[in-house]
Amino acid sequence: MSNSKNGMVGLLYARKVVSAFFVGILLLLSSIFFFNNVNAEVFKATAYCSCNKCCDKDPSDKWYGITATGKRARWGTVAVDKKVIKLGSKLRIKGFPNTIFRAEDVGGAIKGNRIDVWFPSHREALKFGVKRIVVQRVING
């Protein structure tokens, strides 16, 4: 009788462990899919700098290096389609974990799910190339 009682206790314990495991997995998946990636989308990303080739402005131009929002382009500036991402929005871009980007610029070729990342030099912009990246809107921060 004690053998069957021990077996029953073991079976109940195993069911609790399995149930706890599945609850944990569900919580993990829900946090990943419902909380972290609610505002995440895949974008085609290119890069630009403030040079004449990228922006058609000479350093002597008073608007050289100035974004559509009137701010000076700097690391963290991105150009977006303002119909897709509101200017002023804060963004995270996969591959750049330590940077919060800000949508401060627009571009003639930046339509739909396209994003243009600003770099301080033309060489760095060319090195970035064209990529498909995950962009996430930052709600608070």
N, C-alpha and C. Protein backbone atom coordinates (compact mmCIF):
# COMPACT_ATOMS: atom_id res chain seq x y z
N MET A 1 0.81 -1.19 0.00
CA MET A 1 0.00 0.00 0.00
C MET A 1 0.87 1.26 0.00
N SER A 2 1.95 1.27 0.75
CA SER A 2 2.81 2.45 0.79
C SER A 2 3.50 2.67 -0.55
N ASN A 3 3.75 1.59 -1.29
CA ASN A 3 4.35 1.71 -2.61
C ASN A 3 3.42 2.46 -3.56
N SER A 4 2.13 2.13 -3.54
CA SER A 4 1.18 2.81 -4.41
C SER A 4 0.96 4.25 -3.95
N LYS A 5 1.03 4.47 -2.63
CA LYS A 5 0.88 5.82 -2.09
C LYS A 5 2.06 6.70 -2.53
N ASN A 6 3.28 6.16 -2.47
CA ASN A 6 4.47 6.89 -2.92
C ASN A 6 4.39 7.17 -4.42
N GLY A 7 3.88 6.20 -5.16
CA GLY A 7 3.72 6.38 -6.61
C GLY A 7 2.74 7.49 -6.93
N MET A 8 1.66 7.54 -6.17
CA MET A 8 0.64 8.57 -6.37
C MET A 8 1.19 9.95 -6.03
N VAL A 9 1.93 10.06 -4.93
CA VAL A 9 2.55 11.33 -4.54
C VAL A 9 3.54 11.77 -5.61
N GLY A 10 4.33 10.83 -6.12
CA GLY A 10 5.30 11.14 -7.18
C GLY A 10 4.61 11.62 -8.44
N LEU A 11 3.49 10.99 -8.79
CA LEU A 11 2.73 11.37 -9.98
C LEU A 11 2.14 12.78 -9.82
N LEU A 12 1.59 13.08 -8.65
CA LEU A 12 1.05 14.41 -8.40
C LEU A 12 2.14 15.47 -8.45
N TYR A 13 3.30 15.16 -7.89
CA TYR A 13 4.43 16.09 -7.92
C TYR A 13 4.87 16.34 -9.36
N ALA A 14 4.96 15.27 -10.15
CA ALA A 14 5.38 15.39 -11.55
C ALA A 14 4.38 16.26 -12.33
N ARG A 15 3.09 16.09 -12.08
CA ARG A 15 2.08 16.90 -12.77
C ARG A 15 2.21 18.38 -12.40
N LYS A 16 2.50 18.66 -11.13
CA LYS A 16 2.68 20.05 -10.70
C LYS A 16 3.91 20.67 -11.37
N VAL A 17 4.98 19.89 -11.45
CA VAL A 17 6.21 20.38 -12.08
C VAL A 17 5.96 20.67 -13.55
N VAL A 18 5.30 19.74 -14.24
CA VAL A 18 5.01 19.93 -15.66
C VAL A 18 4.08 21.13 -15.85
N SER A 19 3.07 21.26 -15.01
CA SER A 19 2.16 22.41 -15.10
C SER A 19 2.91 23.72 -14.88
N ALA A 20 3.75 23.77 -13.87
CA ALA A 20 4.54 24.97 -13.60
C ALA A 20 5.46 25.29 -14.77
N PHE A 21 6.04 24.26 -15.37
CA PHE A 21 6.92 24.44 -16.52
C PHE A 21 6.15 25.10 -17.67
N PHE A 22 4.97 24.56 -17.99
CA PHE A 22 4.19 25.11 -19.10
C PHE A 22 3.68 26.52 -18.80
N VAL A 23 3.31 26.79 -17.59
CA VAL A 23 2.91 28.15 -17.22
C VAL A 23 4.09 29.11 -17.40
N GLY A 24 5.27 28.68 -16.98
CA GLY A 24 6.47 29.50 -17.16
C GLY A 24 6.76 29.77 -18.63
N ILE A 25 6.65 28.74 -19.46
CA ILE A 25 6.87 28.90 -20.90
C ILE A 25 5.84 29.87 -21.48
N LEU A 26 4.59 29.72 -21.11
CA LEU A 26 3.55 30.62 -21.61
C LEU A 26 3.80 32.07 -21.20
N LEU A 27 4.21 32.28 -19.96
CA LEU A 27 4.53 33.64 -19.52
C LEU A 27 5.70 34.22 -20.29
N LEU A 28 6.72 33.41 -20.51
CA LEU A 28 7.89 33.85 -21.27
C LEU A 28 7.50 34.22 -22.69
N LEU A 29 6.75 33.35 -23.35
CA LEU A 29 6.34 33.63 -24.73
C LEU A 29 5.43 34.84 -24.81
N SER A 30 4.52 34.97 -23.87
CA SER A 30 3.62 36.13 -23.91
C SER A 30 4.40 37.42 -23.69
N SER A 31 5.41 37.39 -22.82
CA SER A 31 6.19 38.61 -22.61
C SER A 31 7.00 38.96 -23.85
N ILE A 32 7.50 37.96 -24.53
CA ILE A 32 8.28 38.21 -25.75
C ILE A 32 7.38 38.75 -26.85
N PHE A 33 6.27 38.06 -27.11
CA PHE A 33 5.44 38.41 -28.25
C PHE A 33 4.45 39.54 -27.98
N PHE A 34 3.91 39.62 -26.79
CA PHE A 34 2.88 40.61 -26.55
C PHE A 34 3.39 41.89 -25.93
N PHE A 35 4.47 41.85 -25.20
CA PHE A 35 4.95 43.06 -24.54
C PHE A 35 6.13 43.68 -25.27
N ASN A 36 7.14 42.91 -25.61
CA ASN A 36 8.34 43.46 -26.21
C ASN A 36 8.20 43.78 -27.69
N ASN A 37 7.44 42.99 -28.43
CA ASN A 37 7.43 43.14 -29.88
C ASN A 37 6.12 43.68 -30.43
N VAL A 38 5.29 44.25 -29.57
CA VAL A 38 4.02 44.79 -30.04
C VAL A 38 4.27 45.84 -31.12
N ASN A 39 5.27 46.65 -30.94
CA ASN A 39 5.55 47.74 -31.87
C ASN A 39 6.76 47.46 -32.76
N ALA A 40 7.12 46.21 -32.95
CA ALA A 40 8.29 45.87 -33.75
C ALA A 40 7.87 45.48 -35.16
N GLU A 41 8.62 45.99 -36.13
CA GLU A 41 8.37 45.66 -37.53
C GLU A 41 9.70 45.52 -38.25
N VAL A 42 9.66 44.82 -39.38
CA VAL A 42 10.86 44.68 -40.21
C VAL A 42 10.88 45.83 -41.21
N PHE A 43 12.02 46.49 -41.30
CA PHE A 43 12.21 47.60 -42.22
C PHE A 43 13.41 47.33 -43.12
N LYS A 44 13.39 47.92 -44.30
CA LYS A 44 14.57 47.93 -45.16
C LYS A 44 15.37 49.15 -44.72
N ALA A 45 16.60 48.92 -44.32
CA ALA A 45 17.43 50.01 -43.78
C ALA A 45 18.57 50.34 -44.72
N THR A 46 18.79 51.63 -44.88
CA THR A 46 19.95 52.15 -45.59
C THR A 46 20.60 53.16 -44.65
N ALA A 47 21.65 53.80 -45.12
CA ALA A 47 22.36 54.75 -44.26
C ALA A 47 22.69 56.01 -45.06
N TYR A 48 22.88 57.08 -44.34
CA TYR A 48 23.26 58.35 -44.97
C TYR A 48 24.12 59.15 -44.02
N CYS A 49 24.74 60.18 -44.55
CA CYS A 49 25.50 61.13 -43.73
C CYS A 49 25.06 62.52 -44.18
N SER A 50 25.70 63.54 -43.73
CA SER A 50 25.29 64.90 -44.08
C SER A 50 25.96 65.42 -45.35
N CYS A 51 26.72 64.58 -46.03
CA CYS A 51 27.50 65.05 -47.18
C CYS A 51 26.63 65.42 -48.38
N ASN A 52 27.26 66.05 -49.37
CA ASN A 52 26.60 66.49 -50.58
C ASN A 52 26.00 65.32 -51.36
N LYS A 53 26.69 64.17 -51.38
CA LYS A 53 26.18 63.00 -52.10
C LYS A 53 24.90 62.47 -51.47
N CYS A 54 24.83 62.48 -50.17
CA CYS A 54 23.67 61.91 -49.47
C CYS A 54 22.52 62.90 -49.34
N CYS A 55 22.83 64.16 -49.08
CA CYS A 55 21.78 65.14 -48.76
C CYS A 55 21.68 66.31 -49.73
N ASP A 56 22.57 66.33 -50.72
CA ASP A 56 22.56 67.40 -51.72
C ASP A 56 22.72 68.78 -51.09
N LYS A 57 23.53 68.83 -50.03
CA LYS A 57 23.82 70.12 -49.39
C LYS A 57 25.32 70.25 -49.18
N ASP A 58 25.82 71.42 -49.43
CA ASP A 58 27.23 71.74 -49.25
C ASP A 58 27.44 72.22 -47.81
N PRO A 59 28.62 71.98 -47.23
CA PRO A 59 28.87 72.47 -45.86
C PRO A 59 28.66 73.98 -45.69
N SER A 60 28.73 74.74 -46.77
CA SER A 60 28.50 76.19 -46.67
C SER A 60 27.00 76.53 -46.62
N ASP A 61 26.14 75.58 -46.95
CA ASP A 61 24.69 75.78 -46.91
C ASP A 61 24.23 75.90 -45.46
N LYS A 62 23.37 76.87 -45.17
CA LYS A 62 22.94 77.05 -43.78
C LYS A 62 22.11 75.87 -43.28
N TRP A 63 21.56 75.05 -44.17
CA TRP A 63 20.77 73.89 -43.77
C TRP A 63 21.59 72.60 -43.77
N TYR A 64 22.89 72.71 -43.98
CA TYR A 64 23.76 71.53 -43.98
C TYR A 64 23.70 70.84 -42.61
N GLY A 65 23.39 69.54 -42.62
CA GLY A 65 23.36 68.76 -41.38
C GLY A 65 22.13 68.97 -40.52
N ILE A 66 21.15 69.72 -41.03
CA ILE A 66 19.93 69.99 -40.27
C ILE A 66 18.82 69.06 -40.76
N THR A 67 18.12 68.44 -39.83
CA THR A 67 17.08 67.47 -40.16
C THR A 67 15.74 68.16 -40.43
N ALA A 68 14.76 67.38 -40.83
CA ALA A 68 13.42 67.90 -41.11
C ALA A 68 12.76 68.49 -39.86
N THR A 69 13.21 68.06 -38.69
CA THR A 69 12.65 68.61 -37.44
C THR A 69 13.42 69.84 -36.97
N GLY A 70 14.44 70.24 -37.74
CA GLY A 70 15.21 71.43 -37.39
C GLY A 70 16.38 71.18 -36.46
N LYS A 71 16.64 69.90 -36.17
CA LYS A 71 17.76 69.56 -35.28
C LYS A 71 18.98 69.16 -36.11
N ARG A 72 20.14 69.30 -35.51
CA ARG A 72 21.37 68.87 -36.17
C ARG A 72 21.43 67.34 -36.16
N ALA A 73 21.73 66.75 -37.33
CA ALA A 73 21.87 65.29 -37.42
C ALA A 73 23.04 64.85 -36.55
N ARG A 74 22.84 63.77 -35.82
CA ARG A 74 23.87 63.23 -34.94
C ARG A 74 23.62 61.73 -34.82
N TRP A 75 24.55 61.03 -34.17
CA TRP A 75 24.35 59.60 -33.99
C TRP A 75 23.03 59.37 -33.26
N GLY A 76 22.20 58.50 -33.80
CA GLY A 76 20.88 58.24 -33.24
C GLY A 76 19.76 58.83 -34.08
N THR A 77 20.13 59.65 -35.07
CA THR A 77 19.14 60.24 -35.97
C THR A 77 18.78 59.24 -37.06
N VAL A 78 17.49 59.11 -37.35
CA VAL A 78 17.06 58.30 -38.48
C VAL A 78 16.04 59.07 -39.30
N ALA A 79 16.03 58.77 -40.60
CA ALA A 79 15.02 59.33 -41.50
C ALA A 79 13.96 58.26 -41.71
N VAL A 80 12.70 58.68 -41.68
CA VAL A 80 11.58 57.75 -41.78
C VAL A 80 10.52 58.32 -42.72
N ASP A 81 9.57 57.48 -43.08
CA ASP A 81 8.36 57.94 -43.75
C ASP A 81 7.42 58.38 -42.63
N LYS A 82 7.12 59.66 -42.56
CA LYS A 82 6.32 60.16 -41.43
C LYS A 82 4.88 59.66 -41.45
N LYS A 83 4.47 58.98 -42.53
CA LYS A 83 3.15 58.33 -42.54
C LYS A 83 3.21 57.00 -41.80
N VAL A 84 4.41 56.45 -41.65
CA VAL A 84 4.60 55.16 -40.98
C VAL A 84 5.07 55.35 -39.54
N ILE A 85 6.06 56.22 -39.36
CA ILE A 85 6.60 56.51 -38.03
C ILE A 85 6.54 58.03 -37.83
N LYS A 86 5.90 58.43 -36.77
CA LYS A 86 5.74 59.85 -36.46
C LYS A 86 7.11 60.47 -36.15
N LEU A 87 7.36 61.66 -36.71
CA LEU A 87 8.60 62.37 -36.39
C LEU A 87 8.65 62.63 -34.89
N GLY A 88 9.82 62.44 -34.31
CA GLY A 88 10.00 62.59 -32.88
C GLY A 88 9.93 61.27 -32.13
N SER A 89 9.47 60.21 -32.81
CA SER A 89 9.36 58.90 -32.16
C SER A 89 10.72 58.36 -31.78
N LYS A 90 10.76 57.66 -30.65
CA LYS A 90 11.98 56.99 -30.20
C LYS A 90 11.91 55.55 -30.66
N LEU A 91 13.05 55.04 -31.14
CA LEU A 91 13.09 53.70 -31.72
C LEU A 91 14.28 52.91 -31.21
N ARG A 92 14.11 51.60 -31.17
CA ARG A 92 15.23 50.68 -30.95
C ARG A 92 15.42 49.93 -32.26
N ILE A 93 16.67 49.73 -32.62
CA ILE A 93 16.99 49.00 -33.84
C ILE A 93 17.85 47.81 -33.46
N LYS A 94 17.40 46.62 -33.85
CA LYS A 94 18.14 45.41 -33.53
C LYS A 94 19.54 45.52 -34.13
N GLY A 95 20.53 45.19 -33.35
CA GLY A 95 21.92 45.31 -33.78
C GLY A 95 22.62 46.52 -33.16
N PHE A 96 21.82 47.43 -32.58
CA PHE A 96 22.36 48.62 -31.91
C PHE A 96 21.76 48.68 -30.50
N PRO A 97 22.15 47.75 -29.62
CA PRO A 97 21.49 47.63 -28.32
C PRO A 97 21.68 48.81 -27.38
N ASN A 98 22.69 49.61 -27.59
CA ASN A 98 22.97 50.71 -26.66
C ASN A 98 22.49 52.07 -27.15
N THR A 99 21.69 52.08 -28.22
CA THR A 99 21.26 53.35 -28.80
C THR A 99 19.74 53.42 -28.88
N ILE A 100 19.19 54.51 -28.42
CA ILE A 100 17.78 54.83 -28.68
C ILE A 100 17.81 55.83 -29.83
N PHE A 101 17.25 55.45 -30.96
CA PHE A 101 17.23 56.31 -32.14
C PHE A 101 16.01 57.22 -32.07
N ARG A 102 16.09 58.35 -32.78
CA ARG A 102 14.96 59.28 -32.82
C ARG A 102 14.67 59.61 -34.28
N ALA A 103 13.40 59.47 -34.64
CA ALA A 103 12.94 59.80 -36.00
C ALA A 103 12.90 61.32 -36.14
N GLU A 104 13.93 61.88 -36.76
CA GLU A 104 14.04 63.34 -36.87
C GLU A 104 14.14 63.84 -38.30
N ASP A 105 14.18 62.91 -39.25
CA ASP A 105 14.43 63.32 -40.63
C ASP A 105 13.53 62.53 -41.58
N VAL A 106 13.42 63.04 -42.80
CA VAL A 106 12.69 62.37 -43.87
C VAL A 106 13.62 62.33 -45.08
N GLY A 107 13.26 61.56 -46.07
CA GLY A 107 14.06 61.49 -47.28
C GLY A 107 13.18 61.15 -48.46
N GLY A 108 13.57 61.60 -49.63
CA GLY A 108 12.77 61.37 -50.83
C GLY A 108 12.54 59.91 -51.14
N ALA A 109 13.52 59.06 -50.86
CA ALA A 109 13.40 57.62 -51.16
C ALA A 109 12.90 56.82 -49.96
N ILE A 110 12.66 57.49 -48.85
CA ILE A 110 12.24 56.79 -47.63
C ILE A 110 10.72 56.77 -47.59
N LYS A 111 10.16 55.70 -48.14
CA LYS A 111 8.71 55.53 -48.22
C LYS A 111 8.34 54.16 -47.66
N GLY A 112 7.25 54.10 -46.92
CA GLY A 112 6.78 52.82 -46.36
C GLY A 112 7.72 52.34 -45.27
N ASN A 113 7.94 51.05 -45.24
CA ASN A 113 8.81 50.46 -44.21
C ASN A 113 10.27 50.54 -44.62
N ARG A 114 10.74 51.77 -44.78
CA ARG A 114 12.15 52.05 -45.05
C ARG A 114 12.63 52.98 -43.95
N ILE A 115 13.89 52.84 -43.62
CA ILE A 115 14.49 53.70 -42.60
C ILE A 115 15.91 54.00 -43.04
N ASP A 116 16.37 55.20 -42.78
CA ASP A 116 17.72 55.63 -43.16
C ASP A 116 18.44 56.04 -41.88
N VAL A 117 19.51 55.35 -41.56
CA VAL A 117 20.27 55.59 -40.33
C VAL A 117 21.39 56.58 -40.63
N TRP A 118 21.50 57.64 -39.83
CA TRP A 118 22.54 58.64 -40.04
C TRP A 118 23.86 58.16 -39.44
N PHE A 119 24.95 58.35 -40.21
CA PHE A 119 26.31 58.07 -39.75
C PHE A 119 27.15 59.33 -39.91
N PRO A 120 28.20 59.48 -39.09
CA PRO A 120 29.01 60.69 -39.15
C PRO A 120 29.87 60.82 -40.40
N SER A 121 30.08 59.73 -41.14
CA SER A 121 30.89 59.83 -42.36
C SER A 121 30.26 59.03 -43.49
N HIS A 122 30.59 59.45 -44.71
CA HIS A 122 30.08 58.76 -45.89
C HIS A 122 30.60 57.32 -45.94
N ARG A 123 31.84 57.14 -45.55
CA ARG A 123 32.44 55.80 -45.55
C ARG A 123 31.65 54.85 -44.64
N GLU A 124 31.30 55.33 -43.44
CA GLU A 124 30.52 54.49 -42.51
C GLU A 124 29.12 54.19 -43.06
N ALA A 125 28.52 55.19 -43.72
CA ALA A 125 27.20 54.98 -44.31
C ALA A 125 27.26 53.92 -45.41
N LEU A 126 28.28 53.99 -46.25
CA LEU A 126 28.44 52.99 -47.31
C LEU A 126 28.70 51.61 -46.72
N LYS A 127 29.52 51.56 -45.67
CA LYS A 127 29.84 50.29 -45.02
C LYS A 127 28.58 49.62 -44.46
N PHE A 128 27.64 50.42 -43.94
CA PHE A 128 26.39 49.88 -43.42
C PHE A 128 25.61 49.15 -44.51
N GLY A 129 25.58 49.74 -45.70
CA GLY A 129 24.91 49.10 -46.83
C GLY A 129 23.40 49.12 -46.72
N VAL A 130 22.80 48.04 -47.21
CA VAL A 130 21.34 47.88 -47.19
C VAL A 130 21.05 46.61 -46.41
N LYS A 131 20.15 46.70 -45.44
CA LYS A 131 19.84 45.55 -44.58
C LYS A 131 18.35 45.51 -44.29
N ARG A 132 17.89 44.35 -43.92
CA ARG A 132 16.54 44.21 -43.36
C ARG A 132 16.74 44.13 -41.85
N ILE A 133 16.10 45.03 -41.12
CA ILE A 133 16.30 45.10 -39.68
C ILE A 133 14.96 45.18 -38.95
N VAL A 134 15.00 44.83 -37.68
CA VAL A 134 13.81 44.95 -36.84
C VAL A 134 13.86 46.28 -36.10
N VAL A 135 12.80 47.06 -36.26
CA VAL A 135 12.69 48.37 -35.63
C VAL A 135 11.52 48.30 -34.65
N GLN A 136 11.78 48.76 -33.43
CA GLN A 136 10.76 48.75 -32.38
C GLN A 136 10.53 50.16 -31.87
N ARG A 137 9.28 50.57 -31.82
CA ARG A 137 8.96 51.87 -31.24
C ARG A 137 9.06 51.78 -29.73
N VAL A 138 9.69 52.76 -29.13
CA VAL A 138 9.83 52.82 -27.67
C VAL A 138 8.64 53.61 -27.15
N ILE A 139 7.84 52.98 -26.30
CA ILE A 139 6.64 53.64 -25.79
C ILE A 139 7.00 54.67 -24.73
N ASN A 140 7.74 54.28 -23.72
CA ASN A 140 8.15 55.20 -22.65
C ASN A 140 9.66 55.16 -22.55
N GLY A 141 10.29 56.30 -22.63
CA GLY A 141 11.73 56.28 -22.46
C GLY A 141 12.45 57.24 -23.27
